[in-house]
C-alpha atoms as a PDB file:
ATOM      1  CA  MET A   1      -3.328   0.226  13.747  1.00  0.00           C
ATOM      2  CA  ALA A   2      -3.378  -3.380  12.217  1.00  0.00           C
ATOM      3  CA  THR A   3      -2.351  -4.056   8.728  1.00  0.00           C
ATOM      4  CA  ILE A   4      -4.113  -6.872   6.898  1.00  0.00           C
ATOM      5  CA  TYR A   5      -2.604  -8.236   3.660  1.00  0.00           C
ATOM      6  CA  THR A   6      -4.822  -9.928   0.996  1.00  0.00           C
ATOM      7  CA  SER A   7      -3.454 -12.901  -0.773  1.00  0.00           C
ATOM      8  CA  HIS A   8      -3.038 -10.798  -3.832  1.00  0.00           C
ATOM      9  CA  ALA A   9      -1.027  -8.382  -2.011  1.00  0.00           C
ATOM     10  CA  ARG A  10       1.224 -11.016  -0.444  1.00  0.00           C
ATOM     11  CA  THR A  11       1.730 -12.523  -4.014  1.00  0.00           C
ATOM     12  CA  ARG A  12       2.682  -9.097  -5.563  1.00  0.00           C
ATOM     13  CA  MET A  13       5.048  -8.385  -2.574  1.00  0.00           C
ATOM     14  CA  ALA A  14       6.779 -11.624  -3.151  1.00  0.00           C
ATOM     15  CA  LEU A  15       7.085 -11.095  -6.995  1.00  0.00           C
ATOM     16  CA  ARG A  16       8.256  -7.476  -6.725  1.00  0.00           C
ATOM     17  CA  GLY A  17      10.454  -7.763  -3.758  1.00  0.00           C
ATOM     18  CA  VAL A  18       8.576  -5.694  -1.396  1.00  0.00           C
ATOM     19  CA  SER A  19       8.824  -6.311   2.443  1.00  0.00           C
ATOM     20  CA  GLU A  20       6.155  -5.580   5.041  1.00  0.00           C
ATOM     21  CA  ALA A  21       8.616  -3.068   6.492  1.00  0.00           C
ATOM     22  CA  GLN A  22       8.539  -1.092   3.212  1.00  0.00           C
ATOM     23  CA  VAL A  23       4.791  -1.184   3.084  1.00  0.00           C
ATOM     24  CA  GLU A  24       4.565   0.000   6.694  1.00  0.00           C
ATOM     25  CA  GLN A  25       6.657   3.011   5.713  1.00  0.00           C
ATOM     26  CA  VAL A  26       4.157   4.089   3.141  1.00  0.00           C
ATOM     27  CA  LEU A  27       1.210   3.425   5.399  1.00  0.00           C
ATOM     28  CA  ASP A  28       2.760   5.410   8.238  1.00  0.00           C
ATOM     29  CA  LYS A  29       3.512   8.511   6.208  1.00  0.00           C
ATOM     30  CA  PRO A  30       2.424   8.569   2.518  1.00  0.00           C
ATOM     31  CA  GLU A  31       3.843  11.395   0.394  1.00  0.00           C
ATOM     32  CA  ASN A  32       0.681  11.281  -1.714  1.00  0.00           C
ATOM     33  CA  TRP A  33      -2.617   9.475  -2.037  1.00  0.00           C
ATOM     34  CA  PHE A  34      -5.230   9.158  -4.692  1.00  0.00           C
ATOM     35  CA  ASP A  35      -8.799   7.905  -4.272  1.00  0.00           C
ATOM     36  CA  ASP A  36      -9.953   5.344  -6.778  1.00  0.00           C
ATOM     37  CA  PRO A  37     -13.652   4.980  -6.335  1.00  0.00           C
ATOM     38  CA  ASP A  38     -14.147   2.636  -9.182  1.00  0.00           C
ATOM     39  CA  GLN A  39     -11.922   0.056  -7.456  1.00  0.00           C
ATOM     40  CA  HIS A  40     -12.966   1.024  -3.798  1.00  0.00           C
ATOM     41  CA  SER A  41      -9.349   1.754  -3.203  1.00  0.00           C
ATOM     42  CA  VAL A  42      -6.772   4.404  -2.249  1.00  0.00           C
ATOM     43  CA  ARG A  43      -3.275   4.412  -3.778  1.00  0.00           C
ATOM     44  CA  LEU A  44      -0.575   5.595  -1.457  1.00  0.00           C
ATOM     45  CA  THR A  45       2.810   6.505  -2.722  1.00  0.00           C
ATOM     46  CA  LYS A  46       6.146   7.182  -0.993  1.00  0.00           C
ATOM     47  CA  GLN A  47       9.893   7.063  -1.908  1.00  0.00           C
ATOM     48  CA  VAL A  48      11.287   4.038  -0.107  1.00  0.00           C
ATOM     49  CA  ASP A  49      14.850   2.970  -0.496  1.00  0.00           C
ATOM     50  CA  GLY A  50      15.372   5.360  -3.542  1.00  0.00           C
ATOM     51  CA  ARG A  51      12.301   4.150  -5.500  1.00  0.00           C
ATOM     52  CA  LEU A  52       8.676   5.042  -5.481  1.00  0.00           C
ATOM     53  CA  LEU A  53       6.395   2.367  -3.801  1.00  0.00           C
ATOM     54  CA  LYS A  54       2.756   2.333  -4.623  1.00  0.00           C
ATOM     55  CA  VAL A  55       0.405   0.670  -2.012  1.00  0.00           C
ATOM     56  CA  TRP A  56      -3.260   0.254  -2.783  1.00  0.00           C
ATOM     57  CA  VAL A  57      -5.471  -0.102   0.335  1.00  0.00           C
ATOM     58  CA  VAL A  58      -9.309  -0.739   0.676  1.00  0.00           C
ATOM     59  CA  ALA A  59     -11.228   2.658   0.944  1.00  0.00           C
ATOM     60  CA  PRO A  60     -11.985   4.502   3.007  1.00  0.00           C
ATOM     61  CA  TRP A  61      -8.353   5.417   4.157  1.00  0.00           C
ATOM     62  CA  PRO A  62      -7.392   6.006   6.824  1.00  0.00           C
ATOM     63  CA  GLN A  63      -9.525   3.761   9.019  1.00  0.00           C
ATOM     64  CA  ASP A  64      -9.070   4.013  12.836  1.00  0.00           C
ATOM     65  CA  ASP A  65      -8.365   0.350  13.425  1.00  0.00           C
ATOM     66  CA  ARG A  66      -6.914  -1.210  10.287  1.00  0.00           C
ATOM     67  CA  SER A  67      -5.463  -0.961   6.886  1.00  0.00           C
ATOM     68  CA  VAL A  68      -6.319  -3.691   4.284  1.00  0.00           C
ATOM     69  CA  VAL A  69      -3.447  -3.749   1.675  1.00  0.00           C
ATOM     70  CA  LYS A  70      -4.778  -4.965  -1.822  1.00  0.00           C
ATOM     71  CA  SER A  71      -1.646  -4.694  -3.894  1.00  0.00           C
ATOM     72  CA  VAL A  72       1.822  -3.124  -4.131  1.00  0.00           C
ATOM     73  CA  ALA A  73       4.207  -2.033  -7.033  1.00  0.00           C
ATOM     74  CA  TRP A  74       7.371  -0.213  -7.629  1.00  0.00           C
ATOM     75  CA  ASN A  75       7.133   2.734 -10.091  1.00  0.00           C
ATOM     76  CA  ASP A  76       9.907   1.908 -12.427  1.00  0.00           C
END
């Protein structure tokens, strides 16, 4: 599956010290996910490197061919 990062996601990753490898860990096997129909998103979460990483992707998720990452954040 291809991963596409929006410019907003890339900016947030740089500001928050999140790598593509960390995002891929969440996308591969999220521990939880929550639909956000108002934002047309799905929030995925997973413990990565001892911290909870949240990744927002374009709904619907999962898609067969790609994931579009909209934003990321650590849950501190």
